[in-house]
Amino acid sequence: MKQAMILAAGMGTRLKPLTDHTPKALISVGGQPLLDRLATRLRSQGYRRLVVNVHHLADQIEEHIAAQDGYGIDVSISDERDGLLETGGALKKAAPLFDATEPVLIHNVDILDNVDYDWLRRQHLDDEDAVLLVSRRKTQRYLLLDNAMRLVGWVNTATGELRSPYDWLKNPDEARLDMDAYQLYIRRGTSELSFNLFAFSGIHSFSPRLFPLMERFPDRFPIMDFYLQTCHRTRIYGVQKEGLRVLDVGKLDSLAEAEQFLQG
């Protein structure tokens, strides 16, 4: 059974004052609450198990899902009323709610996109632990992928911070960025290696066999911290989608853009 998790627990701080009395998940875009828009798209693409985490104004989200008759699929609530757990902690807490044999599509409730989720699921091969949807776009924080598109690290191009479990990547003799080519070049001794820079879309496919590795992590942590600390012992890959369109509508100025995005 195809399964997904919608991350809907956030405080929606960037959408204040709209989120003072309405949870971010129920903010309307294009005449439809964000949660409904995503849940119905998932259902239309064959997803039948859905987990939604809740924290801010959680009662409203639960009541809304009940009023929608659970979108006609199996919907479970992962309760974070006692405290936000961030993206990784949210997934760790929700682990018992998933089928351990099927990948989980992870999606933030405040992201609009044109992704065929079944296509993304097909990109997640049986021997891969996670597949991250990535793109070439200008930002400051990039995932570092080798030429096989396997995750090896992360870099902040504004500060020069570089994170990786590989010592040879964290402590090079020389590192230089070529932002026109989206490349990071690392020199160690007489050898030079190059890595691809990709922006993360926030959409990814996660294998439940990774859950045991989360046991040593705290209750609260970002999923990217988990990926970056375990990518040397797991198989985490990036994948591109031709014509990808993604819009973060988690802030007020992007809500106006959302109407145009949905029409385009």
C-alpha atoms as a PDB file:
ATOM      1  CA  MET A   1       0.000   0.000   0.000  1.00  0.00           C
ATOM      2  CA  LYS A   2       1.397   3.391  -0.993  1.00  0.00           C
ATOM      3  CA  GLN A   3       1.945   5.545   2.075  1.00  0.00           C
ATOM      4  CA  ALA A   4       2.893   9.145   2.789  1.00  0.00           C
ATOM      5  CA  MET A   5       3.466  11.572   5.644  1.00  0.00           C
ATOM      6  CA  ILE A   6       2.346  15.181   5.516  1.00  0.00           C
ATOM      7  CA  LEU A   7       4.328  17.421   7.855  1.00  0.00           C
ATOM      8  CA  ALA A   8       1.656  19.762   9.197  1.00  0.00           C
ATOM      9  CA  ALA A   9       2.680  20.465  12.785  1.00  0.00           C
ATOM     10  CA  GLY A  10       4.514  23.767  12.294  1.00  0.00           C
ATOM     11  CA  MET A  11       3.555  26.977  14.061  1.00  0.00           C
ATOM     12  CA  GLY A  12       3.220  28.875  10.786  1.00  0.00           C
ATOM     13  CA  THR A  13       5.152  31.815  12.228  1.00  0.00           C
ATOM     14  CA  ARG A  14       5.943  33.270   8.803  1.00  0.00           C
ATOM     15  CA  LEU A  15       2.220  33.356   7.992  1.00  0.00           C
ATOM     16  CA  LYS A  16       1.163  35.414  11.012  1.00  0.00           C
ATOM     17  CA  PRO A  17      -1.383  36.862  11.630  1.00  0.00           C
ATOM     18  CA  LEU A  18      -3.242  34.297   9.456  1.00  0.00           C
ATOM     19  CA  THR A  19      -2.033  31.460  11.648  1.00  0.00           C
ATOM     20  CA  ASP A  20      -2.949  33.065  14.965  1.00  0.00           C
ATOM     21  CA  HIS A  21      -6.305  31.309  14.813  1.00  0.00           C
ATOM     22  CA  THR A  22      -5.939  28.951  11.837  1.00  0.00           C
ATOM     23  CA  PRO A  23      -3.274  26.237  11.519  1.00  0.00           C
ATOM     24  CA  LYS A  24      -0.987  26.542   8.515  1.00  0.00           C
ATOM     25  CA  ALA A  25      -2.349  23.286   7.101  1.00  0.00           C
ATOM     26  CA  LEU A  26      -5.827  24.825   6.792  1.00  0.00           C
ATOM     27  CA  ILE A  27      -4.780  28.092   5.140  1.00  0.00           C
ATOM     28  CA  SER A  28      -6.656  28.298   1.844  1.00  0.00           C
ATOM     29  CA  VAL A  29      -4.759  28.539  -1.443  1.00  0.00           C
ATOM     30  CA  GLY A  30      -6.699  28.647  -4.679  1.00  0.00           C
ATOM     31  CA  GLY A  31      -9.930  28.144  -2.762  1.00  0.00           C
ATOM     32  CA  GLN A  32      -8.776  24.969  -1.022  1.00  0.00           C
ATOM     33  CA  PRO A  33      -6.928  24.340   2.286  1.00  0.00           C
ATOM     34  CA  LEU A  34      -3.308  23.302   1.786  1.00  0.00           C
ATOM     35  CA  LEU A  35      -3.885  20.002   3.569  1.00  0.00           C
ATOM     36  CA  ASP A  36      -6.890  19.109   1.400  1.00  0.00           C
ATOM     37  CA  ARG A  37      -5.032  20.022  -1.779  1.00  0.00           C
ATOM     38  CA  LEU A  38      -2.105  17.714  -0.979  1.00  0.00           C
ATOM     39  CA  ALA A  39      -4.130  14.869   0.510  1.00  0.00           C
ATOM     40  CA  THR A  40      -6.474  14.676  -2.486  1.00  0.00           C
ATOM     41  CA  ARG A  41      -3.538  14.707  -4.915  1.00  0.00           C
ATOM     42  CA  LEU A  42      -1.949  11.833  -3.026  1.00  0.00           C
ATOM     43  CA  ARG A  43      -5.222   9.913  -3.040  1.00  0.00           C
ATOM     44  CA  SER A  44      -5.645  10.476  -6.776  1.00  0.00           C
ATOM     45  CA  GLN A  45      -2.190   8.988  -7.344  1.00  0.00           C
ATOM     46  CA  GLY A  46      -2.941   5.810  -5.454  1.00  0.00           C
ATOM     47  CA  TYR A  47      -1.834   6.610  -1.910  1.00  0.00           C
ATOM     48  CA  ARG A  48      -4.034   4.852   0.609  1.00  0.00           C
ATOM     49  CA  ARG A  49      -2.197   5.341   3.936  1.00  0.00           C
ATOM     50  CA  LEU A  50      -1.540   8.870   5.179  1.00  0.00           C
ATOM     51  CA  VAL A  51       0.050  10.098   8.400  1.00  0.00           C
ATOM     52  CA  VAL A  52      -0.384  13.755   9.420  1.00  0.00           C
ATOM     53  CA  ASN A  53       1.547  15.192  12.355  1.00  0.00           C
ATOM     54  CA  VAL A  54      -0.097  17.938  14.415  1.00  0.00           C
ATOM     55  CA  HIS A  55       0.909  20.487  17.065  1.00  0.00           C
ATOM     56  CA  HIS A  56      -0.273  24.082  16.559  1.00  0.00           C
ATOM     57  CA  LEU A  57      -4.095  24.238  16.775  1.00  0.00           C
ATOM     58  CA  ALA A  58      -4.081  20.470  16.464  1.00  0.00           C
ATOM     59  CA  ASP A  59      -7.772  20.077  17.327  1.00  0.00           C
ATOM     60  CA  GLN A  60      -8.762  22.067  14.254  1.00  0.00           C
ATOM     61  CA  ILE A  61      -6.752  19.815  11.953  1.00  0.00           C
ATOM     62  CA  GLU A  62      -8.125  16.636  13.498  1.00  0.00           C
ATOM     63  CA  GLU A  63     -11.700  17.919  13.280  1.00  0.00           C
ATOM     64  CA  HIS A  64     -11.183  19.022   9.691  1.00  0.00           C
ATOM     65  CA  ILE A  65      -9.824  15.621   8.619  1.00  0.00           C
ATOM     66  CA  ALA A  66     -12.773  13.925  10.319  1.00  0.00           C
ATOM     67  CA  ALA A  67     -15.178  16.255   8.507  1.00  0.00           C
ATOM     68  CA  GLN A  68     -13.544  15.210   5.216  1.00  0.00           C
ATOM     69  CA  ASP A  69     -14.117  11.568   6.178  1.00  0.00           C
ATOM     70  CA  GLY A  70     -10.366  11.067   6.131  1.00  0.00           C
ATOM     71  CA  TYR A  71     -10.305  11.831   2.394  1.00  0.00           C
ATOM     72  CA  GLY A  72     -11.643   8.325   1.874  1.00  0.00           C
ATOM     73  CA  ILE A  73      -8.321   6.684   2.794  1.00  0.00           C
ATOM     74  CA  ASP A  74      -6.528   5.469   5.933  1.00  0.00           C
ATOM     75  CA  VAL A  75      -5.430   8.621   7.797  1.00  0.00           C
ATOM     76  CA  SER A  76      -3.555   8.510  11.123  1.00  0.00           C
ATOM     77  CA  ILE A  77      -2.613  11.427  13.363  1.00  0.00           C
ATOM     78  CA  SER A  78       0.852  11.662  14.887  1.00  0.00           C
ATOM     79  CA  ASP A  79       0.340  13.841  17.956  1.00  0.00           C
ATOM     80  CA  GLU A  80       3.063  16.377  18.764  1.00  0.00           C
ATOM     81  CA  ARG A  81       0.989  18.542  21.115  1.00  0.00           C
ATOM     82  CA  ASP A  82       3.648  18.095  23.825  1.00  0.00           C
ATOM     83  CA  GLY A  83       6.299  19.671  21.644  1.00  0.00           C
ATOM     84  CA  LEU A  84       7.441  20.076  18.049  1.00  0.00           C
ATOM     85  CA  LEU A  85       9.902  17.387  16.980  1.00  0.00           C
ATOM     86  CA  GLU A  86      11.186  18.878  13.695  1.00  0.00           C
ATOM     87  CA  THR A  87      11.177  16.855  10.493  1.00  0.00           C
ATOM     88  CA  GLY A  88      13.370  13.965  11.623  1.00  0.00           C
ATOM     89  CA  GLY A  89      11.860  13.632  15.065  1.00  0.00           C
ATOM     90  CA  ALA A  90       8.378  13.733  13.556  1.00  0.00           C
ATOM     91  CA  LEU A  91       9.215  10.812  11.291  1.00  0.00           C
ATOM     92  CA  LYS A  92      10.831   8.863  14.134  1.00  0.00           C
ATOM     93  CA  LYS A  93       7.749   9.294  16.357  1.00  0.00           C
ATOM     94  CA  ALA A  94       5.422   8.241  13.557  1.00  0.00           C
ATOM     95  CA  ALA A  95       7.394   5.056  12.779  1.00  0.00           C
ATOM     96  CA  PRO A  96       4.813   2.628  14.268  1.00  0.00           C
ATOM     97  CA  LEU A  97       2.124   4.036  11.982  1.00  0.00           C
ATOM     98  CA  PHE A  98       3.807   2.876   8.773  1.00  0.00           C
ATOM     99  CA  ASP A  99       4.012  -0.400   6.911  1.00  0.00           C
ATOM    100  CA  ALA A 100       7.658  -1.424   7.372  1.00  0.00           C
ATOM    101  CA  THR A 101       7.843  -2.919   3.873  1.00  0.00           C
ATOM    102  CA  GLU A 102       6.887   0.149   1.820  1.00  0.00           C
ATOM    103  CA  PRO A 103       8.668   3.481   1.219  1.00  0.00           C
ATOM    104  CA  VAL A 104       7.145   6.606   2.741  1.00  0.00           C
ATOM    105  CA  LEU A 105       6.684   9.783   0.713  1.00  0.00           C
ATOM    106  CA  ILE A 106       7.512  12.772   2.942  1.00  0.00           C
ATOM    107  CA  HIS A 107       5.971  16.124   2.005  1.00  0.00           C
ATOM    108  CA  ASN A 108       5.656  19.470   3.799  1.00  0.00           C
ATOM    109  CA  VAL A 109       2.085  20.737   3.855  1.00  0.00           C
ATOM    110  CA  ASP A 110       3.140  24.215   2.696  1.00  0.00           C
ATOM    111  CA  ILE A 111       4.855  23.141  -0.534  1.00  0.00           C
ATOM    112  CA  LEU A 112       3.087  23.339  -3.877  1.00  0.00           C
ATOM    113  CA  ASP A 113       4.565  21.312  -6.718  1.00  0.00           C
ATOM    114  CA  ASN A 114       3.894  19.617 -10.044  1.00  0.00           C
ATOM    115  CA  VAL A 115       5.388  16.253  -9.071  1.00  0.00           C
ATOM    116  CA  ASP A 116       3.921  12.937 -10.130  1.00  0.00           C
ATOM    117  CA  TYR A 117       4.332  11.171  -6.790  1.00  0.00           C
ATOM    118  CA  ASP A 118       4.023   7.753  -8.378  1.00  0.00           C
ATOM    119  CA  TRP A 119       6.951   8.691 -10.632  1.00  0.00           C
ATOM    120  CA  LEU A 120       9.007   9.612  -7.568  1.00  0.00           C
ATOM    121  CA  ARG A 121       8.085   6.316  -5.934  1.00  0.00           C
ATOM    122  CA  ARG A 122       9.372   4.457  -9.005  1.00  0.00           C
ATOM    123  CA  GLN A 123      12.692   6.279  -8.716  1.00  0.00           C
ATOM    124  CA  HIS A 124      13.154   4.722  -5.264  1.00  0.00           C
ATOM    125  CA  LEU A 125      14.837   1.424  -6.094  1.00  0.00           C
ATOM    126  CA  ASP A 126      14.660  -1.523  -3.731  1.00  0.00           C
ATOM    127  CA  ASP A 127      18.322  -1.243  -2.680  1.00  0.00           C
ATOM    128  CA  GLU A 128      18.089   2.511  -1.958  1.00  0.00           C
ATOM    129  CA  ASP A 129      17.356   3.869   1.516  1.00  0.00           C
ATOM    130  CA  ALA A 130      16.081   7.314   0.537  1.00  0.00           C
ATOM    131  CA  VAL A 131      15.553   9.360  -2.604  1.00  0.00           C
ATOM    132  CA  LEU A 132      15.563  13.163  -2.400  1.00  0.00           C
ATOM    133  CA  LEU A 133      13.939  15.291  -5.069  1.00  0.00           C
ATOM    134  CA  VAL A 134      16.505  17.946  -6.038  1.00  0.00           C
ATOM    135  CA  SER A 135      16.969  20.672  -8.613  1.00  0.00           C
ATOM    136  CA  ARG A 136      19.450  23.158  -9.998  1.00  0.00           C
ATOM    137  CA  ARG A 137      18.352  26.482  -8.586  1.00  0.00           C
ATOM    138  CA  LYS A 138      20.039  29.392  -6.892  1.00  0.00           C
ATOM    139  CA  THR A 139      20.086  29.231  -3.109  1.00  0.00           C
ATOM    140  CA  GLN A 140      22.737  29.310  -0.379  1.00  0.00           C
ATOM    141  CA  ARG A 141      22.465  25.770   0.978  1.00  0.00           C
ATOM    142  CA  TYR A 142      23.173  22.855  -1.310  1.00  0.00           C
ATOM    143  CA  LEU A 143      23.338  19.101  -1.065  1.00  0.00           C
ATOM    144  CA  LEU A 144      26.589  17.610  -2.329  1.00  0.00           C
ATOM    145  CA  LEU A 145      26.044  14.634  -4.623  1.00  0.00           C
ATOM    146  CA  ASP A 146      28.721  12.562  -6.319  1.00  0.00           C
ATOM    147  CA  ASN A 147      28.566  11.692 -10.010  1.00  0.00           C
ATOM    148  CA  ALA A 148      26.288   8.735  -9.225  1.00  0.00           C
ATOM    149  CA  MET A 149      23.919  11.229  -7.515  1.00  0.00           C
ATOM    150  CA  ARG A 150      24.657   9.740  -4.089  1.00  0.00           C
ATOM    151  CA  LEU A 151      24.530  12.099  -1.103  1.00  0.00           C
ATOM    152  CA  VAL A 152      27.946  12.817   0.429  1.00  0.00           C
ATOM    153  CA  GLY A 153      27.502  16.154   2.200  1.00  0.00           C
ATOM    154  CA  TRP A 154      26.090  19.674   2.370  1.00  0.00           C
ATOM    155  CA  VAL A 155      27.535  23.149   1.872  1.00  0.00           C
ATOM    156  CA  ASN A 156      26.469  26.690   2.705  1.00  0.00           C
ATOM    157  CA  THR A 157      27.925  28.819  -0.076  1.00  0.00           C
ATOM    158  CA  ALA A 158      27.408  32.045   1.899  1.00  0.00           C
ATOM    159  CA  THR A 159      29.393  30.969   4.972  1.00  0.00           C
ATOM    160  CA  GLY A 160      31.601  28.228   3.525  1.00  0.00           C
ATOM    161  CA  GLU A 161      30.312  25.714   6.097  1.00  0.00           C
ATOM    162  CA  LEU A 162      30.700  22.158   4.828  1.00  0.00           C
ATOM    163  CA  ARG A 163      29.113  19.136   6.514  1.00  0.00           C
ATOM    164  CA  SER A 164      29.853  15.527   5.709  1.00  0.00           C
ATOM    165  CA  PRO A 165      30.641  12.260   7.514  1.00  0.00           C
ATOM    166  CA  TYR A 166      33.668  11.876   5.238  1.00  0.00           C
ATOM    167  CA  ASP A 167      36.832  13.375   6.741  1.00  0.00           C
ATOM    168  CA  TRP A 168      38.474  13.777   3.342  1.00  0.00           C
ATOM    169  CA  LEU A 169      35.560  15.968   2.275  1.00  0.00           C
ATOM    170  CA  LYS A 170      35.305  17.981   5.512  1.00  0.00           C
ATOM    171  CA  ASN A 171      39.041  18.710   5.677  1.00  0.00           C
ATOM    172  CA  PRO A 172      40.344  19.179   2.143  1.00  0.00           C
ATOM    173  CA  ASP A 173      43.661  20.766   1.251  1.00  0.00           C
ATOM    174  CA  GLU A 174      41.692  23.124  -0.954  1.00  0.00           C
ATOM    175  CA  ALA A 175      38.032  23.643  -1.866  1.00  0.00           C
ATOM    176  CA  ARG A 176      36.595  25.905  -4.525  1.00  0.00           C
ATOM    177  CA  LEU A 177      33.095  26.542  -5.812  1.00  0.00           C
ATOM    178  CA  ASP A 178      32.033  27.035  -9.410  1.00  0.00           C
ATOM    179  CA  MET A 179      28.476  28.335  -9.096  1.00  0.00           C
ATOM    180  CA  ASP A 180      28.019  28.609 -12.862  1.00  0.00           C
ATOM    181  CA  ALA A 181      28.557  24.860 -13.154  1.00  0.00           C
ATOM    182  CA  TYR A 182      27.028  23.991  -9.748  1.00  0.00           C
ATOM    183  CA  GLN A 183      30.235  22.215  -8.784  1.00  0.00           C
ATOM    184  CA  LEU A 184      32.411  21.968  -5.685  1.00  0.00           C
ATOM    185  CA  TYR A 185      36.024  20.975  -6.337  1.00  0.00           C
ATOM    186  CA  ILE A 186      38.011  19.325  -3.550  1.00  0.00           C
ATOM    187  CA  ARG A 187      41.768  18.822  -3.687  1.00  0.00           C
ATOM    188  CA  ARG A 188      43.600  16.327  -1.497  1.00  0.00           C
ATOM    189  CA  GLY A 189      47.275  16.022  -2.293  1.00  0.00           C
ATOM    190  CA  THR A 190      47.583  15.683  -6.062  1.00  0.00           C
ATOM    191  CA  SER A 191      44.008  14.491  -6.532  1.00  0.00           C
ATOM    192  CA  GLU A 192      41.013  16.676  -7.304  1.00  0.00           C
ATOM    193  CA  LEU A 193      37.430  15.503  -7.000  1.00  0.00           C
ATOM    194  CA  SER A 194      34.266  17.293  -8.069  1.00  0.00           C
ATOM    195  CA  PHE A 195      30.788  17.158  -6.550  1.00  0.00           C
ATOM    196  CA  ASN A 196      27.440  18.355  -7.829  1.00  0.00           C
ATOM    197  CA  LEU A 197      25.469  21.057  -6.010  1.00  0.00           C
ATOM    198  CA  PHE A 198      21.715  20.566  -5.854  1.00  0.00           C
ATOM    199  CA  ALA A 199      18.949  22.340  -3.955  1.00  0.00           C
ATOM    200  CA  PHE A 200      16.606  20.110  -1.940  1.00  0.00           C
ATOM    201  CA  SER A 201      12.907  20.471  -2.717  1.00  0.00           C
ATOM    202  CA  GLY A 202      11.695  19.222   0.685  1.00  0.00           C
ATOM    203  CA  ILE A 203      10.053  16.205  -0.979  1.00  0.00           C
ATOM    204  CA  HIS A 204      11.631  12.790  -0.456  1.00  0.00           C
ATOM    205  CA  SER A 205      10.990   9.062  -0.322  1.00  0.00           C
ATOM    206  CA  PHE A 206      12.130   7.293   2.853  1.00  0.00           C
ATOM    207  CA  SER A 207      12.641   3.584   3.482  1.00  0.00           C
ATOM    208  CA  PRO A 208      11.360   2.382   6.899  1.00  0.00           C
ATOM    209  CA  ARG A 209      14.465   0.215   7.206  1.00  0.00           C
ATOM    210  CA  LEU A 210      16.219   3.446   8.229  1.00  0.00           C
ATOM    211  CA  PHE A 211      14.161   3.706  11.418  1.00  0.00           C
ATOM    212  CA  PRO A 212      16.605   1.612  13.535  1.00  0.00           C
ATOM    213  CA  LEU A 213      19.363   4.139  12.735  1.00  0.00           C
ATOM    214  CA  MET A 214      17.188   6.852  14.269  1.00  0.00           C
ATOM    215  CA  GLU A 215      17.219   5.188  17.668  1.00  0.00           C
ATOM    216  CA  ARG A 216      20.464   6.921  18.637  1.00  0.00           C
ATOM    217  CA  PHE A 217      19.088  10.312  17.627  1.00  0.00           C
ATOM    218  CA  PRO A 218      17.247  12.566  20.114  1.00  0.00           C
ATOM    219  CA  ASP A 219      13.487  12.969  20.043  1.00  0.00           C
ATOM    220  CA  ARG A 220      13.830  16.237  18.135  1.00  0.00           C
ATOM    221  CA  PHE A 221      16.073  16.652  15.076  1.00  0.00           C
ATOM    222  CA  PRO A 222      15.901  17.741  11.398  1.00  0.00           C
ATOM    223  CA  ILE A 223      15.750  14.940   8.842  1.00  0.00           C
ATOM    224  CA  MET A 224      18.664  16.463   6.925  1.00  0.00           C
ATOM    225  CA  ASP A 225      20.882  16.085  10.015  1.00  0.00           C
ATOM    226  CA  PHE A 226      20.010  12.394   9.962  1.00  0.00           C
ATOM    227  CA  TYR A 227      20.747  12.027   6.269  1.00  0.00           C
ATOM    228  CA  LEU A 228      24.066  13.864   6.535  1.00  0.00           C
ATOM    229  CA  GLN A 229      25.234  11.859   9.535  1.00  0.00           C
ATOM    230  CA  THR A 230      24.346   8.491   8.027  1.00  0.00           C
ATOM    231  CA  CYS A 231      24.938   8.891   4.274  1.00  0.00           C
ATOM    232  CA  HIS A 232      28.318   7.122   4.525  1.00  0.00           C
ATOM    233  CA  ARG A 233      26.599   3.920   5.707  1.00  0.00           C
ATOM    234  CA  THR A 234      23.332   4.185   3.791  1.00  0.00           C
ATOM    235  CA  ARG A 235      22.298   4.604   0.177  1.00  0.00           C
ATOM    236  CA  ILE A 236      20.725   8.052  -0.155  1.00  0.00           C
ATOM    237  CA  TYR A 237      20.367   9.459  -3.649  1.00  0.00           C
ATOM    238  CA  GLY A 238      19.136  12.595  -5.335  1.00  0.00           C
ATOM    239  CA  VAL A 239      16.872  12.602  -8.366  1.00  0.00           C
ATOM    240  CA  GLN A 240      15.923  15.397 -10.742  1.00  0.00           C
ATOM    241  CA  LYS A 241      12.571  15.913 -12.443  1.00  0.00           C
ATOM    242  CA  GLU A 242      12.477  17.673 -15.766  1.00  0.00           C
ATOM    243  CA  GLY A 243      10.290  20.763 -15.571  1.00  0.00           C
ATOM    244  CA  LEU A 244      10.066  20.664 -11.769  1.00  0.00           C
ATOM    245  CA  ARG A 245       8.066  23.492 -10.247  1.00  0.00           C
ATOM    246  CA  VAL A 246       8.060  23.948  -6.467  1.00  0.00           C
ATOM    247  CA  LEU A 247       6.749  26.835  -4.381  1.00  0.00           C
ATOM    248  CA  ASP A 248       7.072  27.248  -0.626  1.00  0.00           C
ATOM    249  CA  VAL A 249       3.891  28.980   0.514  1.00  0.00           C
ATOM    250  CA  GLY A 250       4.895  29.093   4.157  1.00  0.00           C
ATOM    251  CA  LYS A 251       5.263  32.879   4.128  1.00  0.00           C
ATOM    252  CA  LEU A 252       2.852  35.714   3.415  1.00  0.00           C
ATOM    253  CA  ASP A 253       4.483  37.117   0.279  1.00  0.00           C
ATOM    254  CA  SER A 254       4.378  33.704  -1.412  1.00  0.00           C
ATOM    255  CA  LEU A 255       0.621  33.297  -0.962  1.00  0.00           C
ATOM    256  CA  ALA A 256       0.029  35.787  -3.775  1.00  0.00           C
ATOM    257  CA  GLU A 257       2.441  33.833  -5.990  1.00  0.00           C
ATOM    258  CA  ALA A 258       0.520  30.643  -5.239  1.00  0.00           C
ATOM    259  CA  GLU A 259      -2.505  31.669  -7.302  1.00  0.00           C
ATOM    260  CA  GLN A 260      -0.313  32.206 -10.369  1.00  0.00           C
ATOM    261  CA  PHE A 261       1.595  28.991  -9.648  1.00  0.00           C
ATOM    262  CA  LEU A 262      -1.601  26.953  -9.615  1.00  0.00           C
ATOM    263  CA  GLN A 263      -2.698  28.437 -12.910  1.00  0.00           C
ATOM    264  CA  GLY A 264       0.662  27.765 -14.577  1.00  0.00           C
END
